[in-house]
Protein backbone atom coordinates (compact mmCIF):
# COMPACT_ATOMS: atom_id res chain seq x y z
CA MET A 1 3.92 31.45 9.49
CA GLY A 2 5.71 32.98 6.52
CA ILE A 3 6.54 31.13 3.34
CA HIS A 4 10.26 31.07 4.19
CA ASP A 5 9.50 29.23 7.46
CA ARG A 6 8.11 26.16 5.72
CA ASP A 7 10.25 23.01 5.65
CA TYR A 8 10.10 22.53 1.89
CA TYR A 9 11.33 26.11 1.29
CA ARG A 10 14.49 25.80 3.37
CA GLU A 11 17.85 25.53 1.67
CA GLY A 12 20.86 23.36 2.35
CA PRO A 13 19.72 19.70 2.04
CA GLY A 14 22.48 17.13 2.31
CA LEU A 15 23.58 14.68 -0.35
CA PHE A 16 21.65 11.71 1.00
CA GLU A 17 18.58 13.87 1.67
CA ASN A 18 18.48 14.84 -2.02
CA TRP A 19 18.87 11.20 -3.03
CA GLY A 20 15.98 10.23 -0.78
CA ARG A 21 13.76 12.73 -2.60
CA GLN A 22 14.29 11.04 -5.97
CA GLY A 23 11.24 9.63 -7.67
CA VAL A 24 10.38 5.96 -7.60
CA VAL A 25 11.43 5.66 -11.26
CA VAL A 26 15.01 6.48 -10.29
CA TRP A 27 14.89 3.87 -7.52
CA LEU A 28 13.54 1.22 -9.91
CA ILE A 29 16.35 1.98 -12.35
CA ALA A 30 18.93 1.87 -9.53
CA ILE A 31 17.66 -1.50 -8.27
CA THR A 32 17.57 -2.97 -11.77
CA GLY A 33 21.07 -1.66 -12.45
CA GLY A 34 22.30 -3.12 -9.17
CA VAL A 35 20.92 -6.55 -10.08
CA PHE A 36 22.59 -6.37 -13.51
CA PHE A 37 25.86 -5.44 -11.83
CA GLY A 38 25.44 -8.52 -9.66
CA GLN A 39 24.94 -10.60 -12.80
CA CYS A 40 28.18 -9.24 -14.25
CA VAL A 41 30.36 -9.81 -11.17
CA THR A 42 29.11 -13.36 -10.68
CA GLY A 43 29.89 -14.49 -14.21
CA ASN A 44 28.40 -14.06 -17.67
CA PRO A 45 25.28 -11.85 -17.33
CA LEU A 46 23.22 -14.37 -19.26
CA HIS A 47 24.41 -17.40 -17.27
CA SER A 48 24.95 -15.87 -13.85
CA PRO A 49 23.77 -17.77 -10.75
CA LEU A 50 21.32 -14.88 -10.25
CA VAL A 51 19.80 -15.60 -13.63
CA GLU A 52 19.51 -19.31 -12.88
CA LEU A 53 17.72 -18.48 -9.63
CA LEU A 54 15.41 -15.69 -10.83
CA LYS A 55 14.73 -16.07 -14.57
CA TYR A 56 11.34 -17.11 -15.92
CA ASP A 57 11.06 -20.79 -16.72
CA PRO A 58 7.55 -22.23 -17.26
CA LEU A 59 8.54 -25.73 -16.16
CA LEU A 60 9.94 -24.44 -12.88
CA VAL A 61 6.88 -22.23 -12.38
CA MET A 62 4.77 -25.36 -12.78
CA ASP A 63 6.88 -26.94 -10.03
CA GLY A 64 5.85 -24.17 -7.64
CA GLU A 65 8.58 -21.54 -8.14
CA VAL A 66 6.01 -18.82 -8.74
CA TRP A 67 8.41 -16.00 -7.87
CA ARG A 68 9.80 -16.47 -11.39
CA LEU A 69 6.75 -14.56 -12.65
CA PHE A 70 8.01 -11.48 -10.78
CA THR A 71 11.81 -11.55 -10.60
CA PRO A 72 12.67 -11.69 -14.35
CA MET A 73 11.77 -8.01 -14.73
CA PHE A 74 14.92 -7.09 -12.80
CA LEU A 75 17.25 -9.24 -14.94
CA HIS A 76 18.77 -8.35 -18.32
CA ALA A 77 20.85 -10.21 -20.88
CA THR A 78 23.19 -7.47 -22.15
CA LEU A 79 24.17 -3.87 -21.47
CA TRP A 80 22.21 -2.75 -24.55
CA HIS A 81 19.16 -4.64 -23.30
CA ILE A 82 19.09 -2.86 -19.94
CA PHE A 83 20.02 0.49 -21.48
CA CYS A 84 17.04 0.53 -23.85
CA ASN A 85 14.57 -0.58 -21.18
CA MET A 86 15.78 1.86 -18.54
CA LEU A 87 15.92 4.74 -21.04
CA VAL A 88 12.23 4.29 -21.92
CA LEU A 89 11.34 3.76 -18.26
CA TYR A 90 13.02 7.02 -17.24
CA TRP A 91 11.64 9.06 -20.15
CA ALA A 92 8.02 7.88 -20.04
CA GLY A 93 7.84 6.63 -16.44
CA SER A 94 8.91 9.94 -14.92
CA ARG A 95 5.99 11.71 -16.62
CA LEU A 96 3.52 9.06 -15.50
CA GLU A 97 4.84 9.24 -11.93
CA GLU A 98 4.00 12.95 -11.91
CA ILE A 99 0.45 12.12 -13.03
CA TYR A 100 -0.30 9.10 -10.84
CA GLY A 101 2.01 9.61 -7.87
CA ARG A 102 4.86 7.47 -6.54
CA MET A 103 2.92 4.67 -4.87
CA GLU A 104 0.43 4.23 -7.71
CA PHE A 105 3.18 4.14 -10.33
CA VAL A 106 5.32 1.56 -8.55
CA LEU A 107 2.28 -0.68 -8.03
CA PHE A 108 1.35 -0.27 -11.69
CA TYR A 109 4.89 -1.06 -12.88
CA LEU A 110 5.37 -4.16 -10.73
CA THR A 111 1.89 -5.50 -11.48
CA ALA A 112 2.45 -4.93 -15.20
CA GLY A 113 5.65 -6.98 -15.05
CA VAL A 114 3.90 -9.88 -13.31
CA PHE A 115 0.93 -9.72 -15.68
CA ALA A 116 3.16 -9.70 -18.78
CA GLN A 117 5.10 -12.72 -17.57
CA SER A 118 1.87 -14.52 -16.59
CA PHE A 119 0.51 -13.80 -20.08
CA TYR A 120 3.58 -15.53 -21.53
CA PHE A 121 3.01 -18.46 -19.18
CA ALA A 122 -0.68 -18.69 -20.16
CA ALA A 123 0.24 -18.65 -23.86
CA TRP A 124 2.62 -21.55 -23.28
CA ALA A 125 0.03 -23.46 -21.25
CA ALA A 126 -2.48 -22.99 -24.09
CA GLY A 127 0.01 -24.31 -26.62
CA LEU A 128 0.41 -20.93 -28.35
CA GLY A 129 3.85 -19.92 -27.10
CA PRO A 130 7.23 -21.57 -26.64
CA ALA A 131 8.60 -22.86 -23.35
CA ASN A 132 11.70 -20.68 -23.64
CA PRO A 133 13.04 -19.03 -20.46
CA SER A 134 12.98 -15.23 -20.47
CA LEU A 135 14.28 -12.25 -18.55
CA GLY A 136 14.00 -8.47 -18.81
CA ALA A 137 11.73 -5.56 -17.89
CA SER A 138 10.31 -5.25 -21.41
CA GLY A 139 6.78 -6.29 -20.44
CA ALA A 140 6.45 -3.63 -17.74
CA VAL A 141 8.22 -1.03 -19.91
CA VAL A 142 5.82 -1.67 -22.81
CA ALA A 143 2.91 -1.14 -20.41
CA VAL A 144 4.45 2.19 -19.36
CA LEU A 145 4.90 3.20 -23.00
CA VAL A 146 1.28 2.34 -23.88
CA VAL A 147 -0.15 4.39 -20.99
CA PHE A 148 2.17 7.26 -21.92
CA ALA A 149 0.90 7.11 -25.51
CA PHE A 150 -2.70 7.37 -24.29
CA HIS A 151 -1.82 10.51 -22.30
CA PHE A 152 0.43 12.15 -24.90
CA PRO A 153 -0.49 10.60 -28.28
CA HIS A 154 1.14 13.33 -30.37
CA GLN A 155 4.49 13.35 -28.56
CA GLN A 156 7.19 13.09 -31.23
CA VAL A 157 9.78 10.30 -30.88
CA LEU A 158 12.47 8.69 -33.04
CA MET A 159 11.88 5.08 -34.02
CA PHE A 160 15.21 3.25 -33.93
CA PHE A 161 16.63 6.69 -32.94
CA VAL A 162 16.26 7.77 -36.59
CA ILE A 163 12.67 7.91 -37.90
CA PRO A 164 10.47 10.68 -36.39
CA MET A 165 6.84 9.79 -35.64
CA PRO A 166 4.15 10.39 -33.00
CA ILE A 167 4.28 8.08 -30.00
CA TRP A 168 0.88 6.50 -30.77
CA LEU A 169 2.15 5.33 -34.16
CA LEU A 170 5.35 3.96 -32.63
CA VAL A 171 3.32 1.91 -30.16
CA VAL A 172 1.06 0.58 -32.93
CA VAL A 173 4.09 -0.44 -35.01
CA TYR A 174 5.79 -2.20 -32.10
CA VAL A 175 2.63 -4.05 -31.07
CA ALA A 176 2.05 -5.14 -34.68
CA LEU A 177 5.63 -6.43 -34.94
CA ASP A 178 5.24 -8.32 -31.65
CA ALA A 179 1.96 -9.85 -32.82
CA MET A 180 3.56 -10.97 -36.08
CA GLY A 181 6.51 -12.42 -34.19
CA ALA A 182 4.24 -14.27 -31.74
CA LEU A 183 2.03 -15.72 -34.48
CA GLY A 184 5.00 -16.65 -36.63
CA ALA A 185 6.76 -18.39 -33.71
CA ARG A 186 10.06 -16.83 -34.72
CA ALA A 187 13.04 -18.27 -32.86
CA ASP A 188 15.01 -15.03 -32.47
CA GLY A 189 15.23 -14.97 -28.67
CA ILE A 190 12.51 -12.33 -28.19
CA ALA A 191 9.62 -13.00 -25.79
CA TYR A 192 6.87 -11.52 -27.96
CA PHE A 193 4.08 -12.69 -25.69
CA VAL A 194 5.63 -10.76 -22.77
CA HIS A 195 5.52 -7.56 -24.85
CA LEU A 196 1.93 -8.25 -25.89
CA GLY A 197 0.94 -8.92 -22.28
CA GLY A 198 2.48 -5.61 -21.20
CA ALA A 199 0.68 -3.72 -23.99
CA LEU A 200 -2.63 -5.34 -23.03
CA PHE A 201 -2.14 -4.48 -19.36
CA GLY A 202 -1.32 -0.84 -20.14
CA ALA A 203 -4.37 -0.42 -22.38
CA VAL A 204 -6.74 -1.99 -19.83
CA TYR A 205 -5.24 0.07 -17.00
CA TYR A 206 -5.80 3.34 -18.83
CA GLN A 207 -9.21 2.55 -20.27
CA THR A 208 -10.72 1.23 -17.02
CA GLY A 209 -9.25 3.99 -14.85
CA ILE A 210 -8.41 1.47 -12.13
CA ARG A 211 -6.15 2.72 -9.31
CA PHE A 212 -4.31 0.22 -7.13
CA THR A 213 -3.87 2.68 -4.28
CA SER A 214 -7.65 3.15 -4.17
CA LEU A 215 -8.18 -0.60 -4.03
CA PHE A 216 -5.80 -0.92 -1.09
CA ALA A 217 -7.44 2.05 0.63
CA ARG A 218 -10.85 0.37 0.37
CA GLY A 219 -9.45 -2.86 1.76
CA THR A 220 -8.14 -1.10 4.83
CA GLY A 221 -11.08 1.30 5.23
CA ALA A 222 -12.13 -0.25 8.54
CA ARG A 223 -8.74 0.51 10.02
CA ARG A 224 -8.55 4.13 8.94
CA ARG A 225 -7.44 6.65 11.49
CA VAL A 226 -10.29 8.39 13.31
CA VAL A 227 -9.85 12.14 13.51
CA ALA A 228 -10.22 13.34 17.10
CA HIS A 229 -12.42 16.39 17.46
CA PRO A 230 -11.61 18.96 20.14
CA ARG A 231 -13.71 18.80 23.29
CA LEU A 232 -16.31 21.45 23.88
CA ARG A 233 -15.44 23.94 26.57
CA VAL A 234 -17.92 25.96 28.64
CA VAL A 235 -17.03 29.64 28.68
CA PRO A 236 -18.68 31.75 31.45
CA ALA A 237 -20.75 34.62 30.20
CA GLU A 238 -19.36 38.11 30.63
CA PRO A 239 -21.04 40.14 33.39
CA VAL A 240 -23.72 42.52 32.16
CA ASP A 241 -23.21 46.14 33.10
CA ASP A 242 -26.62 47.41 34.26
CA THR A 243 -25.35 50.93 34.97
CA PRO A 244 -27.43 53.36 32.90
CA THR A 245 -25.51 55.36 30.37
CA PRO A 246 -25.59 59.10 31.16
CA VAL A 247 -27.43 61.24 28.69
CA GLY A 248 -24.99 62.84 26.29
CA ALA A 249 -22.14 60.48 27.14
CA ALA A 250 -20.10 59.15 24.27
CA VAL A 251 -20.85 55.56 23.44
CA GLU A 252 -17.96 53.48 22.00
CA SER A 253 -18.91 52.00 18.71
CA PRO A 254 -18.16 48.31 18.09
CA PRO A 255 -15.15 47.65 15.86
CA ARG A 256 -16.01 47.84 12.20
CA PRO A 257 -15.64 44.51 10.44
CA LYS A 258 -13.08 44.46 7.72
CA GLU A 259 -14.36 45.11 4.26
CA ALA A 260 -13.32 43.07 1.27
CA GLY A 261 -10.80 45.70 0.25
CA ASP A 262 -9.17 45.88 3.68
CA GLY A 263 -7.75 42.37 3.47
CA GLU A 264 -9.08 38.95 4.36
CA PRO A 265 -10.55 38.15 7.80
CA LYS A 266 -8.35 36.27 10.20
CA GLU A 267 -10.17 32.96 9.91
CA VAL A 268 -10.04 33.13 6.10
CA GLY A 269 -6.34 33.96 6.20
CA GLU A 270 -5.63 31.01 8.49
CA ASP A 271 -7.58 28.68 6.23
CA LEU A 272 -5.69 30.01 3.22
CA GLU A 273 -2.37 29.42 5.00
CA LYS A 274 -3.32 25.81 5.69
CA ARG A 275 -4.41 25.16 2.11
CA LEU A 276 -1.32 26.91 0.78
CA ASP A 277 0.87 24.56 2.83
CA GLN A 278 -0.81 21.59 1.15
CA VAL A 279 -0.48 23.06 -2.35
CA LEU A 280 3.20 23.96 -1.95
CA ALA A 281 3.94 20.52 -0.55
CA LYS A 282 2.35 19.01 -3.66
CA VAL A 283 4.43 21.29 -5.90
CA SER A 284 7.59 20.22 -4.07
CA LYS A 285 6.71 16.54 -4.46
CA TYR A 286 5.18 16.28 -7.95
CA GLY A 287 5.93 19.58 -9.73
CA GLN A 288 3.75 22.53 -10.72
CA GLU A 289 2.18 20.60 -13.62
CA SER A 290 0.30 18.40 -11.13
CA LEU A 291 -1.78 21.29 -9.75
CA THR A 292 -5.50 21.53 -10.42
CA PRO A 293 -7.08 24.85 -11.48
CA GLU A 294 -8.42 25.27 -7.92
CA GLU A 295 -4.94 24.80 -6.44
CA ARG A 296 -3.49 27.32 -8.89
CA GLU A 297 -6.16 29.79 -7.75
CA ILE A 298 -5.03 29.24 -4.15
CA LEU A 299 -1.45 30.12 -5.13
CA PHE A 300 -2.69 33.27 -6.86
CA ARG A 301 -4.80 34.35 -3.87
CA ALA A 302 -1.93 33.73 -1.48
CA SER A 303 0.41 35.76 -3.67
CA GLU A 304 -2.00 38.69 -3.70
CA LEU A 305 -2.43 38.46 0.08
CA TYR A 306 1.32 38.53 0.71
CA LYS A 307 1.67 41.54 -1.59
CA LYS A 308 -0.92 43.45 0.49
CA ARG A 309 0.82 42.54 3.75
CA ARG A 310 4.13 43.90 2.50
CA LYS A 311 2.58 47.31 1.66
């Protein structure tokens, strides 16, 4: 099978097919934007019926409405609020999605949001934080920013869109400001403990190397698909020719095996084709930056092989 015959090399995808190939970050932004639109069309975004149903409220959580630890991350108070959160999510989250993959990133993002809100709830229960309701994706977004800073500490950014600094310093400044705000119990409408919970979650996630997809895979290990091996087949032996060879008759020599310079053997070529399919599929899904040195070597070998076949 040639490279142009592969599905991911064909041209002409439709509009909805392209949309379906968008990363999970784009879908998270679209869902969050859709919820904010619902807030706007049902009244004031801050006092919409959606907000009353889904916002975080520690007293209601105590009454059993535990979904309020999850749903606030899809609500926002103002257009500026959602713009800032979604801008950071798209900028940093898209890079992390390339590193961790779609499923791992979405599990990380959603778990970070729940953890950050639970951290706020725990601070209130311990008498350290206020009982103020909250909403916004800031906790999960801060977790994304912290993990991004661990991966790319020297990435230059603009604090307040004006002051240039490396991303690690920006994160340190923001965490310090949140800690000061939390300890000072400032009544400025900012859920500092949510930000601190998100920062803590991001740091622990990176330092421990935990992967949620691996945890789920272990939990379902007993139900993994069993690969069926092909059945053995008995092949009858070829008849032996006992006729003596006449003296002086020409004897046909067995075919000479291909040397290394003559091209790769058939079985090696087929194996290379299979591995090339997997590598190109990964490039199509996550980009060329996600390839390992071994996978890049496969691309190089395949390129050299195709060059020889064209000669």
